[in-house]
C-alpha atoms as a PDB file:
ATOM      1  CA  MET A   1       0.000   0.000   0.000  1.00  0.00           C
ATOM      2  CA  LYS A   2       1.347   3.410  -0.969  1.00  0.00           C
ATOM      3  CA  ASN A   3      -0.583   6.193   0.785  1.00  0.00           C
ATOM      4  CA  SER A   4      -3.783   4.106   0.654  1.00  0.00           C
ATOM      5  CA  LEU A   5      -3.243   3.087  -3.001  1.00  0.00           C
ATOM      6  CA  ARG A   6      -2.645  -0.566  -3.853  1.00  0.00           C
ATOM      7  CA  ALA A   7       0.398  -1.167  -6.049  1.00  0.00           C
ATOM      8  CA  THR A   8       2.604  -4.051  -7.167  1.00  0.00           C
ATOM      9  CA  SER A   9       6.175  -4.449  -5.878  1.00  0.00           C
ATOM     10  CA  LEU A  10       8.779  -6.405  -7.818  1.00  0.00           C
ATOM     11  CA  PHE A  11      12.073  -7.439  -6.230  1.00  0.00           C
ATOM     12  CA  VAL A  12      15.009  -8.968  -8.091  1.00  0.00           C
ATOM     13  CA  LYS A  13      16.517 -11.815  -6.101  1.00  0.00           C
ATOM     14  CA  GLU A  14      19.707 -13.389  -7.399  1.00  0.00           C
ATOM     15  CA  LEU A  15      19.800 -17.199  -7.404  1.00  0.00           C
ATOM     16  CA  GLU A  16      23.531 -17.180  -6.718  1.00  0.00           C
ATOM     17  CA  PRO A  17      26.127 -14.630  -5.543  1.00  0.00           C
ATOM     18  CA  GLN A  18      26.695 -11.883  -8.087  1.00  0.00           C
ATOM     19  CA  PRO A  19      29.860  -9.869  -8.827  1.00  0.00           C
ATOM     20  CA  ARG A  20      29.892  -6.336  -7.446  1.00  0.00           C
ATOM     21  CA  GLU A  21      29.934  -4.902 -10.962  1.00  0.00           C
ATOM     22  CA  ARG A  22      29.747  -5.936 -14.617  1.00  0.00           C
ATOM     23  CA  SER A  23      31.058  -4.313 -17.779  1.00  0.00           C
ATOM     24  CA  LEU A  24      28.991  -3.642 -20.878  1.00  0.00           C
ATOM     25  CA  LYS A  25      30.662  -6.659 -22.503  1.00  0.00           C
ATOM     26  CA  ASP A  26      29.631  -8.831 -19.531  1.00  0.00           C
ATOM     27  CA  MET A  27      26.032  -7.621 -19.799  1.00  0.00           C
ATOM     28  CA  LEU A  28      25.902  -8.375 -23.524  1.00  0.00           C
ATOM     29  CA  SER A  29      27.334 -11.843 -22.894  1.00  0.00           C
ATOM     30  CA  ILE A  30      24.489 -12.570 -20.458  1.00  0.00           C
ATOM     31  CA  LEU A  31      21.986 -11.461 -23.105  1.00  0.00           C
ATOM     32  CA  ASP A  32      23.747 -13.656 -25.690  1.00  0.00           C
ATOM     33  CA  GLY A  33      23.083 -16.638 -23.442  1.00  0.00           C
ATOM     34  CA  GLY A  34      19.422 -15.774 -23.016  1.00  0.00           C
ATOM     35  CA  SER A  35      16.376 -16.451 -25.171  1.00  0.00           C
ATOM     36  CA  LEU A  36      14.873 -13.014 -25.745  1.00  0.00           C
ATOM     37  CA  LEU A  37      12.938 -12.584 -28.965  1.00  0.00           C
ATOM     38  CA  PRO A  38      15.017 -10.744 -31.612  1.00  0.00           C
ATOM     39  CA  GLN A  39      12.871  -7.590 -31.525  1.00  0.00           C
ATOM     40  CA  ILE A  40      13.107  -7.450 -27.719  1.00  0.00           C
ATOM     41  CA  ARG A  41      16.846  -8.150 -27.702  1.00  0.00           C
ATOM     42  CA  SER A  42      17.397  -5.330 -30.208  1.00  0.00           C
ATOM     43  CA  GLN A  43      15.534  -2.867 -27.975  1.00  0.00           C
ATOM     44  CA  VAL A  44      17.414  -3.998 -24.858  1.00  0.00           C
ATOM     45  CA  ASP A  45      20.746  -3.606 -26.665  1.00  0.00           C
ATOM     46  CA  SER A  46      19.851  -0.107 -27.863  1.00  0.00           C
ATOM     47  CA  CYS A  47      18.789   1.025 -24.398  1.00  0.00           C
ATOM     48  CA  LEU A  48      21.821  -0.572 -22.747  1.00  0.00           C
ATOM     49  CA  TYR A  49      24.195   1.200 -25.133  1.00  0.00           C
ATOM     50  CA  ARG A  50      22.460   4.549 -24.458  1.00  0.00           C
ATOM     51  CA  LEU A  51      22.818   4.002 -20.723  1.00  0.00           C
ATOM     52  CA  ALA A  52      26.480   3.035 -21.080  1.00  0.00           C
ATOM     53  CA  ALA A  53      27.159   6.026 -23.360  1.00  0.00           C
ATOM     54  CA  ALA A  54      25.663   8.398 -20.772  1.00  0.00           C
ATOM     55  CA  GLU A  55      27.760   6.864 -17.983  1.00  0.00           C
ATOM     56  CA  SER A  56      30.935   7.043 -20.091  1.00  0.00           C
ATOM     57  CA  THR A  57      30.272  10.717 -20.854  1.00  0.00           C
ATOM     58  CA  VAL A  58      29.773  11.848 -17.262  1.00  0.00           C
ATOM     59  CA  HIS A  59      32.672   9.747 -15.893  1.00  0.00           C
ATOM     60  CA  GLY A  60      35.074  10.538 -18.734  1.00  0.00           C
ATOM     61  CA  THR A  61      35.654   6.904 -19.696  1.00  0.00           C
ATOM     62  CA  THR A  62      35.115   4.687 -22.737  1.00  0.00           C
ATOM     63  CA  LEU A  63      32.150   2.370 -23.215  1.00  0.00           C
ATOM     64  CA  GLU A  64      34.460  -0.561 -22.468  1.00  0.00           C
ATOM     65  CA  GLU A  65      35.339   0.933 -19.068  1.00  0.00           C
ATOM     66  CA  VAL A  66      31.748   1.530 -17.934  1.00  0.00           C
ATOM     67  CA  HIS A  67      30.543  -0.765 -15.142  1.00  0.00           C
ATOM     68  CA  PHE A  68      27.036  -1.482 -13.857  1.00  0.00           C
ATOM     69  CA  HIS A  69      26.726  -1.834 -10.092  1.00  0.00           C
ATOM     70  CA  GLU A  70      23.126  -2.625  -9.061  1.00  0.00           C
ATOM     71  CA  VAL A  71      23.381  -6.306  -8.031  1.00  0.00           C
ATOM     72  CA  GLY A  72      26.210  -6.565 -10.534  1.00  0.00           C
ATOM     73  CA  GLY A  73      24.024  -5.136 -13.297  1.00  0.00           C
ATOM     74  CA  LEU A  74      21.309  -7.731 -12.727  1.00  0.00           C
ATOM     75  CA  ASP A  75      18.698  -5.108 -11.812  1.00  0.00           C
ATOM     76  CA  THR A  76      19.459  -3.182 -14.980  1.00  0.00           C
ATOM     77  CA  LEU A  77      19.017  -6.234 -17.211  1.00  0.00           C
ATOM     78  CA  VAL A  78      15.738  -7.198 -15.541  1.00  0.00           C
ATOM     79  CA  ASP A  79      14.451  -3.621 -15.814  1.00  0.00           C
ATOM     80  CA  LEU A  80      15.250  -3.397 -19.524  1.00  0.00           C
ATOM     81  CA  ALA A  81      14.304  -6.902 -20.637  1.00  0.00           C
ATOM     82  CA  GLY A  82      11.202  -6.954 -18.429  1.00  0.00           C
ATOM     83  CA  THR A  83       9.927  -3.623 -19.716  1.00  0.00           C
ATOM     84  CA  PHE A  84      10.393  -4.399 -23.405  1.00  0.00           C
ATOM     85  CA  ALA A  85       9.054  -7.949 -23.014  1.00  0.00           C
ATOM     86  CA  GLY A  86       6.006  -6.616 -21.170  1.00  0.00           C
ATOM     87  CA  LEU A  87       5.249  -4.022 -23.823  1.00  0.00           C
ATOM     88  CA  ASP A  88       5.637  -6.666 -26.523  1.00  0.00           C
ATOM     89  CA  TYR A  89       3.291  -9.017 -24.642  1.00  0.00           C
ATOM     90  CA  LEU A  90       0.668  -6.277 -24.287  1.00  0.00           C
ATOM     91  CA  GLY A  91       0.987  -5.306 -27.943  1.00  0.00           C
ATOM     92  CA  VAL A  92       1.835  -1.710 -27.097  1.00  0.00           C
ATOM     93  CA  GLU A  93       2.530   0.264 -30.274  1.00  0.00           C
ATOM     94  CA  ARG A  94       3.259   3.705 -28.864  1.00  0.00           C
ATOM     95  CA  VAL A  95       4.245   5.123 -25.468  1.00  0.00           C
ATOM     96  CA  TYR A  96       3.399   8.587 -24.136  1.00  0.00           C
ATOM     97  CA  ALA A  97       4.827  10.034 -20.918  1.00  0.00           C
ATOM     98  CA  SER A  98       4.147  12.980 -18.674  1.00  0.00           C
ATOM     99  CA  PRO A  99       6.925  15.511 -17.949  1.00  0.00           C
ATOM    100  CA  LEU A 100       9.323  13.931 -15.468  1.00  0.00           C
ATOM    101  CA  PRO A 101       9.708  15.045 -11.826  1.00  0.00           C
ATOM    102  CA  LEU A 102      13.250  15.645 -10.580  1.00  0.00           C
ATOM    103  CA  GLY A 103      14.222  15.657  -6.913  1.00  0.00           C
ATOM    104  CA  ARG A 104      17.246  17.294  -5.314  1.00  0.00           C
ATOM    105  CA  GLY A 105      20.020  16.593  -2.797  1.00  0.00           C
ATOM    106  CA  THR A 106      22.762  13.952  -2.896  1.00  0.00           C
ATOM    107  CA  MET A 107      23.038  10.180  -2.642  1.00  0.00           C
ATOM    108  CA  LYS A 108      25.709   7.605  -1.927  1.00  0.00           C
ATOM    109  CA  THR A 109      26.757   5.400  -4.859  1.00  0.00           C
ATOM    110  CA  ALA A 110      29.623   3.122  -5.893  1.00  0.00           C
ATOM    111  CA  HIS A 111      31.273   6.297  -7.252  1.00  0.00           C
ATOM    112  CA  GLY A 112      30.898   8.123  -3.939  1.00  0.00           C
ATOM    113  CA  ILE A 113      28.513  10.990  -3.086  1.00  0.00           C
ATOM    114  CA  ILE A 114      26.870  12.385  -6.226  1.00  0.00           C
ATOM    115  CA  PRO A 115      24.118  14.956  -6.799  1.00  0.00           C
ATOM    116  CA  ILE A 116      20.460  14.200  -7.488  1.00  0.00           C
ATOM    117  CA  PRO A 117      19.417  13.782 -10.264  1.00  0.00           C
ATOM    118  CA  ALA A 118      22.308  11.472 -11.116  1.00  0.00           C
ATOM    119  CA  PRO A 119      24.569  12.997 -13.808  1.00  0.00           C
ATOM    120  CA  ALA A 120      23.922  10.050 -16.153  1.00  0.00           C
ATOM    121  CA  ALA A 121      20.170  10.558 -15.783  1.00  0.00           C
ATOM    122  CA  LEU A 122      20.482  14.244 -16.710  1.00  0.00           C
ATOM    123  CA  GLU A 123      22.651  13.304 -19.693  1.00  0.00           C
ATOM    124  CA  LEU A 124      19.852  11.050 -20.955  1.00  0.00           C
ATOM    125  CA  LEU A 125      17.149  13.640 -20.243  1.00  0.00           C
ATOM    126  CA  GLN A 126      18.569  16.330 -22.533  1.00  0.00           C
ATOM    127  CA  GLY A 127      15.699  17.864 -24.473  1.00  0.00           C
ATOM    128  CA  ILE A 128      13.050  16.127 -22.309  1.00  0.00           C
ATOM    129  CA  PRO A 129      10.442  18.191 -20.361  1.00  0.00           C
ATOM    130  CA  THR A 130      11.014  17.967 -16.592  1.00  0.00           C
ATOM    131  CA  TYR A 131      10.024  19.856 -13.444  1.00  0.00           C
ATOM    132  CA  GLY A 132      11.637  20.083 -10.021  1.00  0.00           C
ATOM    133  CA  ILE A 133      10.123  19.211  -6.655  1.00  0.00           C
ATOM    134  CA  PRO A 134      11.358  20.473  -3.241  1.00  0.00           C
ATOM    135  CA  HIS A 135      12.288  17.056  -1.833  1.00  0.00           C
ATOM    136  CA  ASP A 136      15.635  15.337  -1.323  1.00  0.00           C
ATOM    137  CA  VAL A 137      14.876  12.144  -3.231  1.00  0.00           C
ATOM    138  CA  GLU A 138      15.852  10.441  -6.479  1.00  0.00           C
ATOM    139  CA  LEU A 139      12.759  10.026  -8.660  1.00  0.00           C
ATOM    140  CA  VAL A 140      14.319   9.347 -12.085  1.00  0.00           C
ATOM    141  CA  THR A 141      17.230   6.891 -12.128  1.00  0.00           C
ATOM    142  CA  PRO A 142      19.640   6.546 -15.085  1.00  0.00           C
ATOM    143  CA  THR A 143      17.998   3.244 -16.054  1.00  0.00           C
ATOM    144  CA  GLY A 144      14.544   4.822 -15.807  1.00  0.00           C
ATOM    145  CA  ALA A 145      15.713   7.786 -17.874  1.00  0.00           C
ATOM    146  CA  ALA A 146      17.135   5.472 -20.549  1.00  0.00           C
ATOM    147  CA  LEU A 147      13.889   3.515 -20.706  1.00  0.00           C
ATOM    148  CA  VAL A 148      11.436   6.404 -20.846  1.00  0.00           C
ATOM    149  CA  THR A 149      13.476   8.406 -23.367  1.00  0.00           C
ATOM    150  CA  THR A 150      13.877   5.332 -25.561  1.00  0.00           C
ATOM    151  CA  LEU A 151      10.187   4.444 -25.418  1.00  0.00           C
ATOM    152  CA  ALA A 152       8.192   7.658 -25.254  1.00  0.00           C
ATOM    153  CA  THR A 153       7.279   9.431 -28.480  1.00  0.00           C
ATOM    154  CA  CYS A 154       5.785  12.427 -26.654  1.00  0.00           C
ATOM    155  CA  PHE A 155       6.024  14.048 -23.200  1.00  0.00           C
ATOM    156  CA  GLY A 156       2.919  15.964 -22.210  1.00  0.00           C
ATOM    157  CA  PRO A 157      -0.837  15.566 -21.656  1.00  0.00           C
ATOM    158  CA  PRO A 158      -2.427  12.161 -22.344  1.00  0.00           C
ATOM    159  CA  PRO A 159      -3.513  11.661 -25.945  1.00  0.00           C
ATOM    160  CA  LYS A 160      -7.139  11.272 -26.942  1.00  0.00           C
ATOM    161  CA  ALA A 161      -7.802   7.577 -26.355  1.00  0.00           C
ATOM    162  CA  ARG A 162     -10.109   4.943 -24.909  1.00  0.00           C
ATOM    163  CA  TRP A 163      -8.472   3.772 -21.662  1.00  0.00           C
ATOM    164  CA  ASN A 164      -8.942   0.088 -20.910  1.00  0.00           C
ATOM    165  CA  LYS A 165      -6.659  -0.732 -17.979  1.00  0.00           C
ATOM    166  CA  THR A 166      -4.451   0.962 -15.383  1.00  0.00           C
ATOM    167  CA  GLY A 167      -1.462  -0.512 -13.566  1.00  0.00           C
ATOM    168  CA  TYR A 168       0.388   0.699 -10.454  1.00  0.00           C
ATOM    169  CA  GLY A 169       4.027  -0.113  -9.710  1.00  0.00           C
ATOM    170  CA  ALA A 170       5.321   0.584  -6.199  1.00  0.00           C
ATOM    171  CA  GLY A 171       8.571   2.373  -5.444  1.00  0.00           C
ATOM    172  CA  ARG A 172      10.599   1.164  -2.494  1.00  0.00           C
ATOM    173  CA  GLN A 173      10.660   4.399  -0.500  1.00  0.00           C
ATOM    174  CA  ASP A 174       7.701   5.837   1.408  1.00  0.00           C
ATOM    175  CA  MET A 175       7.050   9.504   0.641  1.00  0.00           C
ATOM    176  CA  PRO A 176       4.438  12.156   1.515  1.00  0.00           C
ATOM    177  CA  TRP A 177       2.717  11.265  -1.781  1.00  0.00           C
ATOM    178  CA  PRO A 178       2.009   7.834  -3.339  1.00  0.00           C
ATOM    179  CA  ASN A 179       5.401   6.656  -4.608  1.00  0.00           C
ATOM    180  CA  ILE A 180       4.073   4.821  -7.652  1.00  0.00           C
ATOM    181  CA  LEU A 181       4.555   4.566 -11.387  1.00  0.00           C
ATOM    182  CA  ARG A 182       1.171   4.531 -13.084  1.00  0.00           C
ATOM    183  CA  ALA A 183       0.679   3.051 -16.550  1.00  0.00           C
ATOM    184  CA  TRP A 184      -2.472   3.497 -18.660  1.00  0.00           C
ATOM    185  CA  LEU A 185      -3.239   1.049 -21.436  1.00  0.00           C
ATOM    186  CA  GLY A 186      -5.643   2.214 -24.118  1.00  0.00           C
ATOM    187  CA  GLU A 187      -6.526   2.484 -27.778  1.00  0.00           C
ATOM    188  CA  VAL A 188      -6.240   5.638 -29.822  1.00  0.00           C
ATOM    189  CA  ASP A 189      -9.709   6.400 -31.218  1.00  0.00           C
ATOM    190  CA  GLY A 190     -10.765   2.935 -30.053  1.00  0.00           C
ATOM    191  CA  SER A 191      -8.859   1.338 -32.927  1.00  0.00           C
ATOM    192  CA  LYS A 192      -6.228  -1.356 -32.761  1.00  0.00           C
ATOM    193  CA  ALA A 193      -5.071  -0.775 -36.321  1.00  0.00           C
ATOM    194  CA  LYS A 194      -1.343  -0.336 -36.703  1.00  0.00           C
ATOM    195  CA  THR A 195      -0.013   2.714 -38.499  1.00  0.00           C
ATOM    196  CA  VAL A 196       2.521   0.413 -40.159  1.00  0.00           C
ATOM    197  CA  LYS A 197       1.663  -3.246 -40.672  1.00  0.00           C
ATOM    198  CA  GLU A 198       3.998  -5.506 -38.701  1.00  0.00           C
ATOM    199  CA  GLY A 199       6.345  -7.400 -40.995  1.00  0.00           C
ATOM    200  CA  SER A 200       5.791  -5.025 -43.910  1.00  0.00           C
ATOM    201  CA  TYR A 201       9.141  -3.339 -43.479  1.00  0.00           C
ATOM    202  CA  ASP A 202      12.461  -3.852 -41.799  1.00  0.00           C
ATOM    203  CA  GLU A 203      12.764  -1.418 -38.878  1.00  0.00           C
ATOM    204  CA  ASP A 204      15.687  -0.361 -36.705  1.00  0.00           C
ATOM    205  CA  GLN A 205      17.245   2.588 -34.915  1.00  0.00           C
ATOM    206  CA  VAL A 206      20.479   4.363 -35.747  1.00  0.00           C
ATOM    207  CA  VAL A 207      22.537   7.150 -34.235  1.00  0.00           C
ATOM    208  CA  VAL A 208      23.139  10.377 -36.164  1.00  0.00           C
ATOM    209  CA  LEU A 209      26.332  12.314 -35.364  1.00  0.00           C
ATOM    210  CA  GLU A 210      26.652  15.922 -36.558  1.00  0.00           C
ATOM    211  CA  SER A 211      29.523  18.377 -36.368  1.00  0.00           C
ATOM    212  CA  GLN A 212      29.974  21.817 -37.980  1.00  0.00           C
ATOM    213  CA  LEU A 213      33.429  23.048 -39.008  1.00  0.00           C
ATOM    214  CA  ASP A 214      34.755  26.265 -40.517  1.00  0.00           C
ATOM    215  CA  ASP A 215      38.501  25.713 -39.981  1.00  0.00           C
ATOM    216  CA  ASN A 216      39.111  22.162 -41.204  1.00  0.00           C
ATOM    217  CA  ASN A 217      41.402  21.464 -44.177  1.00  0.00           C
ATOM    218  CA  PRO A 218      39.076  20.100 -46.911  1.00  0.00           C
ATOM    219  CA  GLU A 219      41.940  17.982 -48.295  1.00  0.00           C
ATOM    220  CA  PHE A 220      41.611  15.785 -45.194  1.00  0.00           C
ATOM    221  CA  LEU A 221      37.929  14.945 -45.725  1.00  0.00           C
ATOM    222  CA  PRO A 222      38.434  11.914 -48.046  1.00  0.00           C
ATOM    223  CA  HIS A 223      40.726  10.382 -45.404  1.00  0.00           C
ATOM    224  CA  LEU A 224      38.096  11.074 -42.726  1.00  0.00           C
ATOM    225  CA  ARG A 225      35.423   9.409 -44.867  1.00  0.00           C
ATOM    226  CA  SER A 226      37.557   6.286 -45.283  1.00  0.00           C
ATOM    227  CA  ARG A 227      38.240   5.984 -41.564  1.00  0.00           C
ATOM    228  CA  LEU A 228      34.597   6.460 -40.585  1.00  0.00           C
ATOM    229  CA  GLU A 229      33.400   3.900 -43.140  1.00  0.00           C
ATOM    230  CA  GLU A 230      35.996   1.366 -41.976  1.00  0.00           C
ATOM    231  CA  ALA A 231      34.860   1.924 -38.361  1.00  0.00           C
ATOM    232  CA  GLY A 232      31.259   0.963 -39.140  1.00  0.00           C
ATOM    233  CA  ALA A 233      29.481   4.103 -40.370  1.00  0.00           C
ATOM    234  CA  LEU A 234      26.411   3.151 -42.397  1.00  0.00           C
ATOM    235  CA  ASP A 235      26.454   6.405 -44.334  1.00  0.00           C
ATOM    236  CA  LEU A 236      28.031   9.845 -44.108  1.00  0.00           C
ATOM    237  CA  PHE A 237      27.869  13.056 -46.058  1.00  0.00           C
ATOM    238  CA  PHE A 238      29.364  16.545 -46.115  1.00  0.00           C
ATOM    239  CA  THR A 239      26.999  19.529 -46.434  1.00  0.00           C
ATOM    240  CA  PRO A 240      28.233  23.056 -47.282  1.00  0.00           C
ATOM    241  CA  ILE A 241      26.857  25.583 -44.765  1.00  0.00           C
ATOM    242  CA  VAL A 242      27.294  29.243 -43.795  1.00  0.00           C
ATOM    243  CA  MET A 243      28.391  29.628 -40.183  1.00  0.00           C
ATOM    244  CA  LYS A 244      28.753  32.576 -37.806  1.00  0.00           C
ATOM    245  CA  LYS A 245      30.221  35.814 -39.183  1.00  0.00           C
ATOM    246  CA  GLY A 246      29.338  34.594 -42.669  1.00  0.00           C
ATOM    247  CA  ARG A 247      32.133  32.008 -42.749  1.00  0.00           C
ATOM    248  CA  PRO A 248      31.734  29.147 -45.223  1.00  0.00           C
ATOM    249  CA  GLY A 249      31.785  25.835 -43.418  1.00  0.00           C
ATOM    250  CA  ILE A 250      30.849  22.206 -43.677  1.00  0.00           C
ATOM    251  CA  MET A 251      28.600  19.933 -41.630  1.00  0.00           C
ATOM    252  CA  ILE A 252      29.729  16.343 -41.246  1.00  0.00           C
ATOM    253  CA  THR A 253      26.802  13.950 -40.765  1.00  0.00           C
ATOM    254  CA  THR A 254      27.501  10.333 -39.850  1.00  0.00           C
ATOM    255  CA  ILE A 255      24.834   7.620 -39.552  1.00  0.00           C
ATOM    256  CA  SER A 256      25.819   4.610 -37.495  1.00  0.00           C
ATOM    257  CA  PRO A 257      24.603   1.699 -35.392  1.00  0.00           C
ATOM    258  CA  GLN A 258      24.600   2.562 -31.682  1.00  0.00           C
ATOM    259  CA  GLU A 259      27.456   0.183 -30.891  1.00  0.00           C
ATOM    260  CA  HIS A 260      29.929   2.025 -33.141  1.00  0.00           C
ATOM    261  CA  MET A 261      29.230   5.484 -31.722  1.00  0.00           C
ATOM    262  CA  ASP A 262      32.186   5.621 -29.318  1.00  0.00           C
ATOM    263  CA  THR A 263      34.683   4.626 -32.013  1.00  0.00           C
ATOM    264  CA  LEU A 264      33.263   7.097 -34.533  1.00  0.00           C
ATOM    265  CA  LEU A 265      33.373   9.930 -31.981  1.00  0.00           C
ATOM    266  CA  ARG A 266      37.045   9.236 -31.337  1.00  0.00           C
ATOM    267  CA  ILE A 267      37.779   9.401 -35.066  1.00  0.00           C
ATOM    268  CA  LEU A 268      35.865  12.668 -35.487  1.00  0.00           C
ATOM    269  CA  PHE A 269      37.779  14.300 -32.632  1.00  0.00           C
ATOM    270  CA  GLN A 270      41.085  12.858 -33.808  1.00  0.00           C
ATOM    271  CA  GLU A 271      40.811  13.660 -37.511  1.00  0.00           C
ATOM    272  CA  THR A 272      38.976  17.037 -37.479  1.00  0.00           C
ATOM    273  CA  THR A 273      39.143  20.357 -35.666  1.00  0.00           C
ATOM    274  CA  THR A 274      35.738  19.935 -34.040  1.00  0.00           C
ATOM    275  CA  ILE A 275      35.370  20.448 -30.291  1.00  0.00           C
ATOM    276  CA  GLY A 276      31.837  19.056 -30.076  1.00  0.00           C
ATOM    277  CA  VAL A 277      29.572  16.537 -31.786  1.00  0.00           C
ATOM    278  CA  ARG A 278      25.762  16.492 -31.554  1.00  0.00           C
ATOM    279  CA  TRP A 279      24.023  13.142 -31.588  1.00  0.00           C
ATOM    280  CA  TYR A 280      20.473  11.869 -31.636  1.00  0.00           C
ATOM    281  CA  ARG A 281      18.640   8.629 -32.307  1.00  0.00           C
ATOM    282  CA  MET A 282      16.605   8.139 -35.444  1.00  0.00           C
ATOM    283  CA  GLY A 283      14.201   5.371 -36.420  1.00  0.00           C
ATOM    284  CA  ARG A 284      14.327   3.846 -39.908  1.00  0.00           C
ATOM    285  CA  PHE A 285      11.847   1.944 -42.028  1.00  0.00           C
ATOM    286  CA  LYS A 286      13.559  -0.090 -44.740  1.00  0.00           C
ATOM    287  CA  LEU A 287      12.268  -2.268 -47.512  1.00  0.00           C
ATOM    288  CA  LEU A 288      12.822  -5.946 -46.882  1.00  0.00           C
ATOM    289  CA  ARG A 289      15.762  -7.127 -48.955  1.00  0.00           C
ATOM    290  CA  ASP A 290      16.732 -10.160 -50.965  1.00  0.00           C
ATOM    291  CA  GLN A 291      19.288 -10.996 -53.632  1.00  0.00           C
ATOM    292  CA  GLN A 292      19.209 -13.199 -56.714  1.00  0.00           C
ATOM    293  CA  GLU A 293      21.540 -13.901 -59.615  1.00  0.00           C
ATOM    294  CA  VAL A 294      20.511 -13.521 -63.261  1.00  0.00           C
ATOM    295  CA  LYS A 295      22.348 -14.788 -66.349  1.00  0.00           C
ATOM    296  CA  THR A 296      23.481 -12.196 -68.873  1.00  0.00           C
ATOM    297  CA  PRO A 297      25.672 -12.403 -72.020  1.00  0.00           C
ATOM    298  CA  TYR A 298      28.477 -11.113 -69.794  1.00  0.00           C
ATOM    299  CA  GLY A 299      28.094 -13.652 -66.996  1.00  0.00           C
ATOM    300  CA  GLU A 300      26.024 -13.894 -63.836  1.00  0.00           C
ATOM    301  CA  VAL A 301      25.116 -10.638 -62.084  1.00  0.00           C
ATOM    302  CA  ARG A 302      23.580 -10.304 -58.643  1.00  0.00           C
ATOM    303  CA  VAL A 303      20.382  -8.275 -58.378  1.00  0.00           C
ATOM    304  CA  LYS A 304      19.291  -6.520 -55.193  1.00  0.00           C
ATOM    305  CA  ILE A 305      15.553  -6.750 -54.502  1.00  0.00           C
ATOM    306  CA  GLY A 306      13.671  -4.311 -52.271  1.00  0.00           C
ATOM    307  CA  TYR A 307      10.173  -5.463 -51.317  1.00  0.00           C
ATOM    308  CA  THR A 308       7.415  -5.463 -48.730  1.00  0.00           C
ATOM    309  CA  ASN A 309       4.771  -8.036 -47.816  1.00  0.00           C
ATOM    310  CA  ASN A 310       1.073  -7.806 -48.580  1.00  0.00           C
ATOM    311  CA  HIS A 311      -1.723  -8.971 -46.274  1.00  0.00           C
ATOM    312  CA  HIS A 312      -1.492 -12.509 -47.680  1.00  0.00           C
ATOM    313  CA  GLY A 313       2.253 -12.824 -47.136  1.00  0.00           C
ATOM    314  CA  GLY A 314       3.114 -12.281 -50.788  1.00  0.00           C
ATOM    315  CA  ARG A 315       5.841  -9.951 -52.008  1.00  0.00           C
ATOM    316  CA  ILE A 316       5.295  -6.489 -53.443  1.00  0.00           C
ATOM    317  CA  ILE A 317       8.557  -5.600 -55.215  1.00  0.00           C
ATOM    318  CA  TYR A 318       9.407  -1.894 -55.316  1.00  0.00           C
ATOM    319  CA  ASN A 319      13.045  -1.847 -56.397  1.00  0.00           C
ATOM    320  CA  LEU A 320      15.323  -4.056 -58.494  1.00  0.00           C
ATOM    321  CA  ALA A 321      18.939  -2.962 -58.888  1.00  0.00           C
ATOM    322  CA  PRO A 322      21.929  -4.737 -60.472  1.00  0.00           C
ATOM    323  CA  GLU A 323      24.876  -5.025 -58.113  1.00  0.00           C
ATOM    324  CA  TYR A 324      27.402  -2.372 -59.104  1.00  0.00           C
ATOM    325  CA  GLU A 325      30.514  -4.441 -58.304  1.00  0.00           C
ATOM    326  CA  ASP A 326      29.293  -7.338 -60.459  1.00  0.00           C
ATOM    327  CA  CYS A 327      28.526  -5.001 -63.365  1.00  0.00           C
ATOM    328  CA  ALA A 328      31.928  -3.322 -63.084  1.00  0.00           C
ATOM    329  CA  ARG A 329      33.736  -6.697 -62.960  1.00  0.00           C
ATOM    330  CA  ALA A 330      31.855  -8.019 -65.993  1.00  0.00           C
ATOM    331  CA  ALA A 331      32.550  -4.818 -67.954  1.00  0.00           C
ATOM    332  CA  ARG A 332      36.280  -5.104 -67.269  1.00  0.00           C
ATOM    333  CA  GLU A 333      36.430  -8.798 -68.118  1.00  0.00           C
ATOM    334  CA  LYS A 334      34.374  -8.553 -71.333  1.00  0.00           C
ATOM    335  CA  GLY A 335      35.763  -5.230 -72.520  1.00  0.00           C
ATOM    336  CA  VAL A 336      32.388  -3.481 -72.725  1.00  0.00           C
ATOM    337  CA  SER A 337      30.906  -0.452 -71.000  1.00  0.00           C
ATOM    338  CA  ILE A 338      29.301  -0.809 -67.615  1.00  0.00           C
ATOM    339  CA  LYS A 339      26.178   0.772 -69.105  1.00  0.00           C
ATOM    340  CA  GLU A 340      25.829  -2.176 -71.501  1.00  0.00           C
ATOM    341  CA  VAL A 341      26.195  -4.711 -68.673  1.00  0.00           C
ATOM    342  CA  TYR A 342      23.629  -2.792 -66.640  1.00  0.00           C
ATOM    343  CA  ARG A 343      21.143  -2.730 -69.532  1.00  0.00           C
ATOM    344  CA  ALA A 344      21.680  -6.446 -70.201  1.00  0.00           C
ATOM    345  CA  THR A 345      21.000  -7.207 -66.540  1.00  0.00           C
ATOM    346  CA  LEU A 346      17.752  -5.230 -66.617  1.00  0.00           C
ATOM    347  CA  ARG A 347      16.686  -7.144 -69.742  1.00  0.00           C
ATOM    348  CA  ALA A 348      17.455 -10.431 -67.983  1.00  0.00           C
ATOM    349  CA  ILE A 349      15.365  -9.324 -65.020  1.00  0.00           C
ATOM    350  CA  ASP A 350      12.402  -8.555 -67.291  1.00  0.00           C
ATOM    351  CA  GLU A 351      12.739 -11.929 -68.988  1.00  0.00           C
END
């Protein structure tokens, strides 16, 4: 009971003694040995990397040096996996959150006495609406901040919806107000229809890194591109811009999986004159992909297929593209233009 309101408490009890701390690599190894569904595992990984990145920023360390302390990181894994598994089980398609309350004061941690809110929590809450309360208590933990900022698409009043169920989760401390987390489950406009049909597209999240420069030698940019691509960047581009005092400059935009962010940041700081890099997460919808080989007068050429699924599980093909490397190889070997190989491949596809 929390101030006369009934709520559910959940305690994590280890089945065997746990280490005092675990690294990010240790946490991922535990997940590798588990049986989470792929879509849940992907979400847990993304959230875990965001949490580790925030900790590495505030403590001035690398991702590899970050350690999780709560029951050796066990609490963190249960919080993340349990939340994403629960949302998947309930079929939740979108999460809304209220502005977040922030307490004040200090608390004792494995790193010593630190201020409230925890620095890692504030790092994760950049750009998120919050409000302060005059009480010395931690209300938003780093793990909670990572979860809500990963999940919520909007922070503000509840959306127009038909509310079906309400759940109450109990916090451990007793406070002058009910220390609970309240979740509402409902349907927007009473409809369960998805905005995007599940399985129609491939979906993931990436990290976008941006940096603006007006004093970098442009001759060095091809070398920077090579290093970033070798380090795992999915895509990158240079955009001419006009900066302060009318100076011509360039914006470097790098798109990357979350796990490569630390390495790419090091390269950007090492190879450019930038003193700061902005980053944000971005969702992507991608056509499902396949590959087939077709026979042409110049040999076999791979063809990339971009498609989606219809309601009956059949394919709707949107894009067919000959593989550039195969076309270039065939053109060199047969002594013809790459345009001719490309046209021959398109004819073979039609046939």
